PDB file of N, CA and C in Angstrom:
ATOM      1  N   UNK A   1      14.596  13.958  11.974  1.00  0.00           N
ATOM      2  CA  UNK A   1      13.694  12.499  12.005  1.00  0.00           C
ATOM      3  C   UNK A   1      12.275  12.726  12.071  1.00  0.00           C
ATOM      4  N   UNK A   2      11.390  12.344  11.019  1.00  0.00           N
ATOM      5  CA  UNK A   2      10.132  12.302  11.324  1.00  0.00           C
ATOM      6  C   UNK A   2       9.393  11.242  12.026  1.00  0.00           C
ATOM      7  N   UNK A   3       8.233  11.147  12.534  1.00  0.00           N
ATOM      8  CA  UNK A   3       7.862  10.044  13.517  1.00  0.00           C
ATOM      9  C   UNK A   3       6.352   9.925  13.178  1.00  0.00           C
ATOM     10  N   UNK A   4       6.115   8.705  13.362  1.00  0.00           N
ATOM     11  CA  UNK A   4       4.392   8.518  13.475  1.00  0.00           C
ATOM     12  C   UNK A   4       3.703   9.354  14.206  1.00  0.00           C
ATOM     13  N   UNK A   5       4.515   9.879  15.615  1.00  0.00           N
ATOM     14  CA  UNK A   5       3.551  10.906  16.452  1.00  0.00           C
ATOM     15  C   UNK A   5       3.278  12.035  15.636  1.00  0.00           C
ATOM     16  N   UNK A   6       4.266  12.395  15.015  1.00  0.00           N
ATOM     17  CA  UNK A   6       4.218  13.980  14.391  1.00  0.00           C
ATOM     18  C   UNK A   6       3.120  13.606  12.971  1.00  0.00           C
ATOM     19  N   UNK A   7       3.508  12.397  12.401  1.00  0.00           N
ATOM     20  CA  UNK A   7       2.435  12.288  11.387  1.00  0.00           C
ATOM     21  C   UNK A   7       0.949  12.305  11.717  1.00  0.00           C
ATOM     22  N   UNK A   8       0.539  11.804  12.822  1.00  0.00           N
ATOM     23  CA  UNK A   8      -0.779  11.715  13.250  1.00  0.00           C
ATOM     24  C   UNK A   8      -1.133  12.820  13.755  1.00  0.00           C
ATOM     25  N   UNK A   9      -0.258  14.185  14.008  1.00  0.00           N
ATOM     26  CA  UNK A   9      -0.807  15.561  14.449  1.00  0.00           C
ATOM     27  C   UNK A   9      -1.156  16.365  13.011  1.00  0.00           C
ATOM     28  N   UNK A  10      -0.757  15.600  12.103  1.00  0.00           N
ATOM     29  CA  UNK A  10      -1.018  16.428  10.813  1.00  0.00           C
ATOM     30  C   UNK A  10      -2.812  16.607  10.320  1.00  0.00           C
ATOM     31  N   UNK A  11      -2.982  17.666   9.714  1.00  0.00           N
ATOM     32  CA  UNK A  11      -4.267  17.412   8.992  1.00  0.00           C
ATOM     33  C   UNK A  11      -4.671  18.200   7.773  1.00  0.00           C
ATOM     34  N   UNK A  12      -3.863  19.482   7.693  1.00  0.00           N
ATOM     35  CA  UNK A  12      -3.890  19.639   6.378  1.00  0.00           C
ATOM     36  C   UNK A  12      -3.097  19.250   4.934  1.00  0.00           C
ATOM     37  N   UNK A  13      -3.820  19.367   3.760  1.00  0.00           N
ATOM     38  CA  UNK A  13      -2.799  18.872   2.940  1.00  0.00           C
ATOM     39  C   UNK A  13      -1.395  19.220   2.383  1.00  0.00           C
ATOM     40  N   UNK A  14      -1.136  20.570   2.711  1.00  0.00           N
ATOM     41  CA  UNK A  14      -0.086  21.046   2.657  1.00  0.00           C
ATOM     42  C   UNK A  14       0.828  20.324   3.849  1.00  0.00           C
ATOM     43  N   UNK A  15       0.455  20.534   4.564  1.00  0.00           N
ATOM     44  CA  UNK A  15       1.144  20.133   5.924  1.00  0.00           C
ATOM     45  C   UNK A  15       1.759  18.616   5.654  1.00  0.00           C
ATOM     46  N   UNK A  16       0.921  17.685   5.139  1.00  0.00           N
ATOM     47  CA  UNK A  16       1.618  16.320   4.719  1.00  0.00           C
ATOM     48  C   UNK A  16       2.440  16.346   3.619  1.00  0.00           C
ATOM     49  N   UNK A  17       2.257  17.121   2.466  1.00  0.00           N
ATOM     50  CA  UNK A  17       3.274  17.495   1.791  1.00  0.00           C
ATOM     51  C   UNK A  17       4.567  17.826   2.276  1.00  0.00           C
ATOM     52  N   UNK A  18       4.631  19.225   3.094  1.00  0.00           N
ATOM     53  CA  UNK A  18       5.801  19.605   3.672  1.00  0.00           C
ATOM     54  C   UNK A  18       6.383  18.331   4.778  1.00  0.00           C
ATOM     55  N   UNK A  19       5.562  17.640   5.432  1.00  0.00           N
ATOM     56  CA  UNK A  19       6.149  16.773   6.453  1.00  0.00           C
ATOM     57  C   UNK A  19       6.980  15.918   5.443  1.00  0.00           C
ATOM     58  N   UNK A  20       6.515  15.202   4.276  1.00  0.00           N
ATOM     59  CA  UNK A  20       7.264  14.405   3.410  1.00  0.00           C
ATOM     60  C   UNK A  20       8.248  14.832   2.657  1.00  0.00           C
ATOM     61  N   UNK A  21       8.040  16.514   2.536  1.00  0.00           N
ATOM     62  CA  UNK A  21       9.216  17.123   1.988  1.00  0.00           C
ATOM     63  C   UNK A  21       8.950  16.914   0.486  1.00  0.00           C
ATOM     64  N   UNK A  22       7.348  16.679   0.165  1.00  0.00           N
ATOM     65  CA  UNK A  22       7.317  16.341  -1.808  1.00  0.00           C
ATOM     66  C   UNK A  22       6.608  17.552  -2.079  1.00  0.00           C
ATOM     67  N   UNK A  23       7.302  17.800  -3.466  1.00  0.00           N
ATOM     68  CA  UNK A  23       6.523  19.064  -4.402  1.00  0.00           C
ATOM     69  C   UNK A  23       5.213  18.909  -4.515  1.00  0.00           C
ATOM     70  N   UNK A  24       4.297  20.122  -4.671  1.00  0.00           N
ATOM     71  CA  UNK A  24       2.996  19.918  -5.216  1.00  0.00           C
ATOM     72  C   UNK A  24       2.858  21.319  -5.673  1.00  0.00           C
ATOM     73  N   UNK A  25       1.673  21.560  -6.797  1.00  0.00           N
ATOM     74  CA  UNK A  25       1.211  22.627  -7.273  1.00  0.00           C
ATOM     75  C   UNK A  25       0.071  23.041  -6.319  1.00  0.00           C
ATOM     76  N   UNK A  26      -0.073  24.163  -5.652  1.00  0.00           N
ATOM     77  CA  UNK A  26      -0.935  24.616  -4.606  1.00  0.00           C
ATOM     78  C   UNK A  26      -2.231  24.731  -5.405  1.00  0.00           C
ATOM     79  N   UNK A  27      -2.336  24.869  -6.708  1.00  0.00           N
ATOM     80  CA  UNK A  27      -3.641  24.830  -7.604  1.00  0.00           C
ATOM     81  C   UNK A  27      -4.425  23.788  -7.580  1.00  0.00           C
ATOM     82  N   UNK A  28      -3.405  22.805  -7.926  1.00  0.00           N
ATOM     83  CA  UNK A  28      -4.283  21.104  -7.797  1.00  0.00           C
ATOM     84  C   UNK A  28      -4.666  21.058  -6.700  1.00  0.00           C
ATOM     85  N   UNK A  29      -3.594  21.210  -5.442  1.00  0.00           N
ATOM     86  CA  UNK A  29      -4.310  20.973  -4.042  1.00  0.00           C
ATOM     87  C   UNK A  29      -5.565  21.952  -3.739  1.00  0.00           C
ATOM     88  N   UNK A  30      -5.546  23.160  -4.218  1.00  0.00           N
ATOM     89  CA  UNK A  30      -6.662  23.797  -3.908  1.00  0.00           C
ATOM     90  C   UNK A  30      -8.299  23.544  -4.490  1.00  0.00           C
ATOM     91  N   UNK A  31      -7.847  22.786  -5.576  1.00  0.00           N
ATOM     92  CA  UNK A  31      -9.537  22.346  -6.451  1.00  0.00           C
ATOM     93  C   UNK A  31      -9.430  20.724  -6.052  1.00  0.00           C
ATOM     94  N   UNK A  32      -8.587  20.362  -5.463  1.00  0.00           N
ATOM     95  CA  UNK A  32      -8.816  18.613  -4.959  1.00  0.00           C
ATOM     96  C   UNK A  32      -8.275  18.259  -3.437  1.00  0.00           C
ATOM     97  N   UNK A  33      -8.277  19.418  -2.939  1.00  0.00           N
ATOM     98  CA  UNK A  33      -7.725  18.825  -1.474  1.00  0.00           C
ATOM     99  C   UNK A  33      -8.639  18.134  -0.751  1.00  0.00           C
ATOM    100  N   UNK A  34     -10.031  18.021  -0.641  1.00  0.00           N
ATOM    101  CA  UNK A  34     -10.614  17.024   0.101  1.00  0.00           C
ATOM    102  C   UNK A  34     -10.309  15.578  -0.685  1.00  0.00           C
ATOM    103  N   UNK A  35     -10.566  15.681  -1.993  1.00  0.00           N
ATOM    104  CA  UNK A  35     -10.103  14.024  -2.758  1.00  0.00           C
ATOM    105  C   UNK A  35      -8.939  13.685  -2.337  1.00  0.00           C
ATOM    106  N   UNK A  36      -8.112  14.282  -2.705  1.00  0.00           N
ATOM    107  CA  UNK A  36      -6.426  13.879  -2.195  1.00  0.00           C
ATOM    108  C   UNK A  36      -6.573  13.363  -1.022  1.00  0.00           C
ATOM    109  N   UNK A  37      -6.831  13.990  -0.126  1.00  0.00           N
ATOM    110  CA  UNK A  37      -6.844  13.592   1.172  1.00  0.00           C
ATOM    111  C   UNK A  37      -7.624  12.214   1.245  1.00  0.00           C
ATOM    112  N   UNK A  38      -9.001  12.363   0.957  1.00  0.00           N
ATOM    113  CA  UNK A  38      -9.893  11.046   1.099  1.00  0.00           C
ATOM    114  C   UNK A  38      -8.815   9.755   0.497  1.00  0.00           C
ATOM    115  N   UNK A  39      -8.510  10.228  -0.735  1.00  0.00           N
ATOM    116  CA  UNK A  39      -7.457   9.248  -1.520  1.00  0.00           C
ATOM    117  C   UNK A  39      -6.482   8.702  -0.623  1.00  0.00           C
ATOM    118  N   UNK A  40      -5.958   9.366   0.063  1.00  0.00           N
ATOM    119  CA  UNK A  40      -4.630   9.358   0.789  1.00  0.00           C
ATOM    120  C   UNK A  40      -4.826   8.543   1.879  1.00  0.00           C
ATOM    121  N   UNK A  41      -6.191   8.948   2.694  1.00  0.00           N
ATOM    122  CA  UNK A  41      -6.585   8.240   3.743  1.00  0.00           C
ATOM    123  C   UNK A  41      -6.571   6.657   3.430  1.00  0.00           C
ATOM    124  N   UNK A  42      -7.710   6.437   2.152  1.00  0.00           N
ATOM    125  CA  UNK A  42      -7.861   5.002   1.860  1.00  0.00           C
ATOM    126  C   UNK A  42      -6.257   4.169   1.642  1.00  0.00           C
ATOM    127  N   UNK A  43      -5.505   5.082   0.985  1.00  0.00           N
ATOM    128  CA  UNK A  43      -3.887   4.332   0.883  1.00  0.00           C
ATOM    129  C   UNK A  43      -3.548   4.111   2.254  1.00  0.00           C
ATOM    130  N   UNK A  44      -3.654   5.103   3.295  1.00  0.00           N
ATOM    131  CA  UNK A  44      -2.831   4.937   4.600  1.00  0.00           C
ATOM    132  C   UNK A  44      -3.459   3.594   5.311  1.00  0.00           C
ATOM    133  N   UNK A  45      -4.932   3.593   5.148  1.00  0.00           N
ATOM    134  CA  UNK A  45      -5.643   2.028   5.680  1.00  0.00           C
ATOM    135  C   UNK A  45      -5.103   1.144   5.168  1.00  0.00           C
ATOM    136  N   UNK A  46      -4.607   0.962   3.897  1.00  0.00           N
ATOM    137  CA  UNK A  46      -4.243  -0.379   3.020  1.00  0.00           C
ATOM    138  C   UNK A  46      -2.905  -0.229   3.697  1.00  0.00           C
ATOM    139  N   UNK A  47      -1.899   0.599   3.983  1.00  0.00           N
ATOM    140  CA  UNK A  47      -0.692   0.506   4.542  1.00  0.00           C
ATOM    141  C   UNK A  47      -0.960  -0.163   6.153  1.00  0.00           C
ATOM    142  N   UNK A  48      -1.657   0.339   6.703  1.00  0.00           N
ATOM    143  CA  UNK A  48      -2.218  -0.132   8.083  1.00  0.00           C
ATOM    144  C   UNK A  48      -2.471  -1.639   8.141  1.00  0.00           C
ATOM    145  N   UNK A  49      -3.296  -1.968   7.074  1.00  0.00           N
ATOM    146  CA  UNK A  49      -3.892  -3.104   7.264  1.00  0.00           C
ATOM    147  C   UNK A  49      -2.776  -4.322   6.890  1.00  0.00           C
ATOM    148  N   UNK A  50      -1.486  -3.825   6.147  1.00  0.00           N
ATOM    149  CA  UNK A  50      -0.742  -4.750   5.570  1.00  0.00           C
ATOM    150  C   UNK A  50       0.775  -4.762   6.179  1.00  0.00           C
ATOM    151  N   UNK A  51       1.045  -3.865   7.236  1.00  0.00           N
ATOM    152  CA  UNK A  51       1.992  -3.365   7.532  1.00  0.00           C
ATOM    153  C   UNK A  51       2.717  -4.242   8.792  1.00  0.00           C
ATOM    154  N   UNK A  52       2.287  -5.150   9.227  1.00  0.00           N
ATOM    155  CA  UNK A  52       2.836  -5.729  10.147  1.00  0.00           C
ATOM    156  C   UNK A  52       4.475  -6.246   9.991  1.00  0.00           C
ATOM    157  N   UNK A  53       5.191  -5.853  11.083  1.00  0.00           N
ATOM    158  CA  UNK A  53       6.453  -5.965  10.982  1.00  0.00           C
ATOM    159  C   UNK A  53       7.189  -4.987  10.213  1.00  0.00           C
ATOM    160  N   UNK A  54       6.784  -3.925   9.742  1.00  0.00           N
ATOM    161  CA  UNK A  54       7.688  -3.101   9.261  1.00  0.00           C
ATOM    162  C   UNK A  54       8.147  -2.039  10.198  1.00  0.00           C
ATOM    163  N   UNK A  55       8.982  -1.486  10.090  1.00  0.00           N
ATOM    164  CA  UNK A  55       9.396  -0.576  11.265  1.00  0.00           C
ATOM    165  C   UNK A  55       8.798   0.821  11.004  1.00  0.00           C
ATOM    166  N   UNK A  56       8.854   1.866  12.162  1.00  0.00           N
ATOM    167  CA  UNK A  56       8.332   3.034  11.873  1.00  0.00           C
ATOM    168  C   UNK A  56       8.915   4.020  10.590  1.00  0.00           C
ATOM    169  N   UNK A  57      10.004   3.885  10.106  1.00  0.00           N
ATOM    170  CA  UNK A  57      10.756   4.426   8.984  1.00  0.00           C
ATOM    171  C   UNK A  57       9.996   3.868   7.923  1.00  0.00           C
ATOM    172  N   UNK A  58      10.026   2.654   7.436  1.00  0.00           N
ATOM    173  CA  UNK A  58       9.505   1.757   6.364  1.00  0.00           C
ATOM    174  C   UNK A  58       7.796   2.212   6.431  1.00  0.00           C
ATOM    175  N   UNK A  59       7.166   2.229   7.311  1.00  0.00           N
ATOM    176  CA  UNK A  59       5.720   2.679   7.067  1.00  0.00           C
ATOM    177  C   UNK A  59       5.509   4.378   6.837  1.00  0.00           C
ATOM    178  N   UNK A  60       6.481   5.177   7.434  1.00  0.00           N
ATOM    179  CA  UNK A  60       6.676   6.464   6.939  1.00  0.00           C
ATOM    180  C   UNK A  60       6.781   6.611   5.325  1.00  0.00           C
ATOM    181  N   UNK A  61       7.421   5.569   4.885  1.00  0.00           N
ATOM    182  CA  UNK A  61       7.833   5.736   3.540  1.00  0.00           C
ATOM    183  C   UNK A  61       6.681   5.362   2.807  1.00  0.00           C
ATOM    184  N   UNK A  62       6.181   4.371   3.026  1.00  0.00           N
ATOM    185  CA  UNK A  62       4.699   3.797   2.463  1.00  0.00           C
ATOM    186  C   UNK A  62       4.183   4.737   2.493  1.00  0.00           C
ATOM    187  N   UNK A  63       3.861   5.658   3.612  1.00  0.00           N
ATOM    188  CA  UNK A  63       2.840   6.867   3.586  1.00  0.00           C
ATOM    189  C   UNK A  63       2.915   7.604   2.724  1.00  0.00           C
ATOM    190  N   UNK A  64       4.413   7.922   2.712  1.00  0.00           N
ATOM    191  CA  UNK A  64       4.860   9.049   1.560  1.00  0.00           C
ATOM    192  C   UNK A  64       4.183   8.672   0.206  1.00  0.00           C
ATOM    193  N   UNK A  65       4.678   7.326   0.136  1.00  0.00           N
ATOM    194  CA  UNK A  65       4.178   7.056  -1.435  1.00  0.00           C
ATOM    195  C   UNK A  65       2.768   6.742  -1.484  1.00  0.00           C
ATOM    196  N   UNK A  66       1.952   6.992  -0.488  1.00  0.00           N
ATOM    197  CA  UNK A  66       0.529   6.913  -0.673  1.00  0.00           C
ATOM    198  C   UNK A  66       0.484   8.215  -1.151  1.00  0.00           C
ATOM    199  N   UNK A  67       0.811   9.276  -0.433  1.00  0.00           N
ATOM    200  CA  UNK A  67       0.649  10.421  -0.747  1.00  0.00           C
ATOM    201  C   UNK A  67       0.806  11.052  -2.174  1.00  0.00           C
ATOM    202  N   UNK A  68       1.952  10.682  -2.462  1.00  0.00           N
ATOM    203  CA  UNK A  68       2.526  10.880  -3.903  1.00  0.00           C
ATOM    204  C   UNK A  68       1.397  10.332  -4.812  1.00  0.00           C
ATOM    205  N   UNK A  69       1.049   9.025  -4.539  1.00  0.00           N
ATOM    206  CA  UNK A  69      -0.035   8.082  -5.576  1.00  0.00           C
ATOM    207  C   UNK A  69      -1.367   9.004  -5.339  1.00  0.00           C
ATOM    208  N   UNK A  70      -2.063   9.458  -4.596  1.00  0.00           N
ATOM    209  CA  UNK A  70      -2.991   9.903  -4.200  1.00  0.00           C
ATOM    210  C   UNK A  70      -3.022  11.374  -5.025  1.00  0.00           C
ATOM    211  N   UNK A  71      -1.961  12.054  -4.622  1.00  0.00           N
ATOM    212  CA  UNK A  71      -1.882  13.536  -5.623  1.00  0.00           C
ATOM    213  C   UNK A  71      -1.835  13.085  -7.114  1.00  0.00           C
ATOM    214  N   UNK A  72      -1.074  12.061  -7.551  1.00  0.00           N
ATOM    215  CA  UNK A  72      -1.136  11.827  -8.732  1.00  0.00           C
ATOM    216  C   UNK A  72      -2.215  11.259  -9.607  1.00  0.00           C
ATOM    217  N   UNK A  73      -3.178  10.876  -8.801  1.00  0.00           N
ATOM    218  CA  UNK A  73      -4.492  10.316  -9.201  1.00  0.00           C
ATOM    219  C   UNK A  73      -4.962  11.417  -9.728  1.00  0.00           C
ATOM    220  N   UNK A  74      -4.976  12.552  -8.899  1.00  0.00           N
ATOM    221  CA  UNK A  74      -6.087  13.787  -9.404  1.00  0.00           C
ATOM    222  C   UNK A  74      -5.060  14.819 -10.236  1.00  0.00           C
ATOM    223  N   UNK A  75      -3.795  14.342 -10.509  1.00  0.00           N
ATOM    224  CA  UNK A  75      -3.600  15.075 -12.043  1.00  0.00           C
ATOM    225  C   UNK A  75      -3.509  14.230 -13.175  1.00  0.00           C
ATOM    226  N   UNK A  76      -4.094  13.057 -13.047  1.00  0.00           N
ATOM    227  CA  UNK A  76      -4.488  12.284 -14.353  1.00  0.00           C
ATOM    228  C   UNK A  76      -6.075  12.109 -14.067  1.00  0.00           C
ATOM    229  N   UNK A  77      -7.069  12.168 -13.363  1.00  0.00           N
ATOM    230  CA  UNK A  77      -8.369  11.973 -13.282  1.00  0.00           C
ATOM    231  C   UNK A  77      -9.118  13.443 -12.578  1.00  0.00           C
ATOM    232  N   UNK A  78     -10.151  12.920 -12.885  1.00  0.00           N
ATOM    233  CA  UNK A  78     -11.360  14.290 -11.960  1.00  0.00           C
ATOM    234  C   UNK A  78     -12.028  13.410 -10.946  1.00  0.00           C
ATOM    235  N   UNK A  79     -12.238  14.204  -9.710  1.00  0.00           N
ATOM    236  CA  UNK A  79     -13.015  14.120  -8.585  1.00  0.00           C
ATOM    237  C   UNK A  79     -14.227  13.265  -9.063  1.00  0.00           C
ATOM    238  N   UNK A  80     -14.793  13.416  -9.857  1.00  0.00           N
ATOM    239  CA  UNK A  80     -16.080  12.729 -10.616  1.00  0.00           C
ATOM    240  C   UNK A  80     -15.858  11.301 -11.076  1.00  0.00           C
ATOM    241  N   UNK A  81     -14.682  11.110 -11.644  1.00  0.00           N
ATOM    242  CA  UNK A  81     -14.342   9.908 -12.136  1.00  0.00           C
ATOM    243  C   UNK A  81     -13.737   9.026 -11.077  1.00  0.00           C
ATOM    244  N   UNK A  82     -13.319   9.759 -10.020  1.00  0.00           N
ATOM    245  CA  UNK A  82     -12.727   8.755  -8.634  1.00  0.00           C
ATOM    246  C   UNK A  82     -13.995   8.592  -8.028  1.00  0.00           C
ATOM    247  N   UNK A  83     -15.168   9.174  -7.930  1.00  0.00           N
ATOM    248  CA  UNK A  83     -16.406   8.947  -7.119  1.00  0.00           C
ATOM    249  C   UNK A  83     -16.110   8.651  -5.541  1.00  0.00           C
ATOM    250  N   UNK A  84     -15.160   9.443  -4.901  1.00  0.00           N
ATOM    251  CA  UNK A  84     -14.643   8.924  -3.472  1.00  0.00           C
ATOM    252  C   UNK A  84     -15.860   9.564  -2.510  1.00  0.00           C
ATOM    253  N   UNK A  85     -16.719  10.223  -2.964  1.00  0.00           N
ATOM    254  CA  UNK A  85     -17.676  11.120  -1.983  1.00  0.00           C
ATOM    255  C   UNK A  85     -18.991  10.285  -2.185  1.00  0.00           C
ATOM    256  N   UNK A  86     -20.076   9.974  -1.379  1.00  0.00           N
ATOM    257  CA  UNK A  86     -21.152   9.823  -1.644  1.00  0.00           C
ATOM    258  C   UNK A  86     -22.115  10.599  -2.731  1.00  0.00           C
ATOM    259  N   UNK A  87     -21.923  11.765  -2.490  1.00  0.00           N
ATOM    260  CA  UNK A  87     -22.349  12.784  -3.456  1.00  0.00           C
ATOM    261  C   UNK A  87     -22.267  12.057  -4.844  1.00  0.00           C
ATOM    262  N   UNK A  88     -21.543  12.169  -4.999  1.00  0.00           N
ATOM    263  CA  UNK A  88     -21.076  11.334  -6.784  1.00  0.00           C
ATOM    264  C   UNK A  88     -21.504  10.166  -7.192  1.00  0.00           C
ATOM    265  N   UNK A  89     -21.980   9.252  -6.019  1.00  0.00           N
ATOM    266  CA  UNK A  89     -22.519   7.745  -6.304  1.00  0.00           C
ATOM    267  C   UNK A  89     -24.180   7.982  -6.338  1.00  0.00           C
ATOM    268  N   UNK A  90     -24.750   8.819  -5.573  1.00  0.00           N
ATOM    269  CA  UNK A  90     -25.986   9.080  -5.517  1.00  0.00           C
ATOM    270  C   UNK A  90     -26.782   9.617  -6.812  1.00  0.00           C
ATOM    271  N   UNK A  91     -28.174   8.818  -7.235  1.00  0.00           N
ATOM    272  CA  UNK A  91     -28.992   9.045  -8.397  1.00  0.00           C
ATOM    273  C   UNK A  91     -29.666  10.164  -7.689  1.00  0.00           C
ATOM    274  N   UNK A  92     -29.937  11.417  -8.268  1.00  0.00           N
ATOM    275  CA  UNK A  92     -30.858  12.670  -7.820  1.00  0.00           C
ATOM    276  C   UNK A  92     -31.988  11.954  -7.949  1.00  0.00           C
ATOM    277  N   UNK A  93     -33.214  12.323  -7.064  1.00  0.00           N
ATOM    278  CA  UNK A  93     -34.605  11.460  -6.974  1.00  0.00           C
ATOM    279  C   UNK A  93     -35.231  12.353  -7.993  1.00  0.00           C
ATOM    280  N   UNK A  94     -35.256  13.968  -7.772  1.00  0.00           N
ATOM    281  CA  UNK A  94     -35.904  14.403  -9.211  1.00  0.00           C
ATOM    282  C   UNK A  94     -35.832  14.531 -10.281  1.00  0.00           C
ATOM    283  N   UNK A  95     -34.843  13.615 -10.736  1.00  0.00           N
ATOM    284  CA  UNK A  95     -34.202  13.945 -12.370  1.00  0.00           C
ATOM    285  C   UNK A  95     -34.429  12.391 -13.160  1.00  0.00           C
ATOM    286  N   UNK A  96     -35.369  12.728 -14.305  1.00  0.00           N
ATOM    287  CA  UNK A  96     -35.375  11.770 -15.084  1.00  0.00           C
ATOM    288  C   UNK A  96     -34.594  11.512 -16.299  1.00  0.00           C
ATOM    289  N   UNK A  97     -34.098  10.709 -16.511  1.00  0.00           N
ATOM    290  CA  UNK A  97     -32.972  10.604 -17.648  1.00  0.00           C
ATOM    291  C   UNK A  97     -33.766  10.541 -19.092  1.00  0.00           C
ATOM    292  N   UNK A  98     -33.028  10.815 -19.887  1.00  0.00           N
ATOM    293  CA  UNK A  98     -33.828  10.667 -21.188  1.00  0.00           C
ATOM    294  C   UNK A  98     -33.892   9.230 -21.822  1.00  0.00           C
ATOM    295  N   UNK A  99     -33.177   8.199 -21.105  1.00  0.00           N
ATOM    296  CA  UNK A  99     -33.232   7.114 -21.575  1.00  0.00           C
ATOM    297  C   UNK A  99     -34.444   6.059 -20.600  1.00  0.00           C
ATOM    298  N   UNK A 100     -34.808   7.232 -19.691  1.00  0.00           N
ATOM    299  CA  UNK A 100     -36.259   6.418 -18.854  1.00  0.00           C
ATOM    300  C   UNK A 100     -37.549   6.985 -19.802  1.00  0.00           C
ATOM    301  N   UNK A 101     -37.324   7.718 -20.631  1.00  0.00           N
ATOM    302  CA  UNK A 101     -38.837   8.135 -21.461  1.00  0.00           C
ATOM    303  C   UNK A 101     -38.998   7.484 -22.456  1.00  0.00           C
ATOM    304  N   UNK A 102     -40.153   7.124 -22.610  1.00  0.00           N
ATOM    305  CA  UNK A 102     -40.268   6.171 -23.600  1.00  0.00           C
ATOM    306  C   UNK A 102     -41.693   6.856 -24.485  1.00  0.00           C
ATOM    307  N   UNK A 103     -41.941   6.735 -25.377  1.00  0.00           N
ATOM    308  CA  UNK A 103     -42.747   7.413 -26.489  1.00  0.00           C
ATOM    309  C   UNK A 103     -44.006   5.886 -26.782  1.00  0.00           C
ATOM    310  N   UNK A 104     -45.110   6.161 -26.869  1.00  0.00           N
ATOM    311  CA  UNK A 104     -46.146   5.439 -26.836  1.00  0.00           C
ATOM    312  C   UNK A 104     -46.801   5.498 -28.547  1.00  0.00           C
TER     313      UNK A 104
END
């Protein structure tokens, strides 16, 4: 039986997949590791915010579903499309787009 205390000790993507006994493609995790973990942490926060009255087992089940969903997102999408990190949202200051150039 797994517990919330055991869950809180995990840090690597692979540890989370093994903890929940979920299959995963190592190549997908290698390429999208930080993005999967970031999306997973967002989903875990949503579970935590709305989990009043859930048992530990129910909460862990929701976490498992959250990891599956986060993984699935990056099977169907790219990190650039998801824009989870600031670097994907910031416009470079030293770039001028073609739409900003006008001719007189």
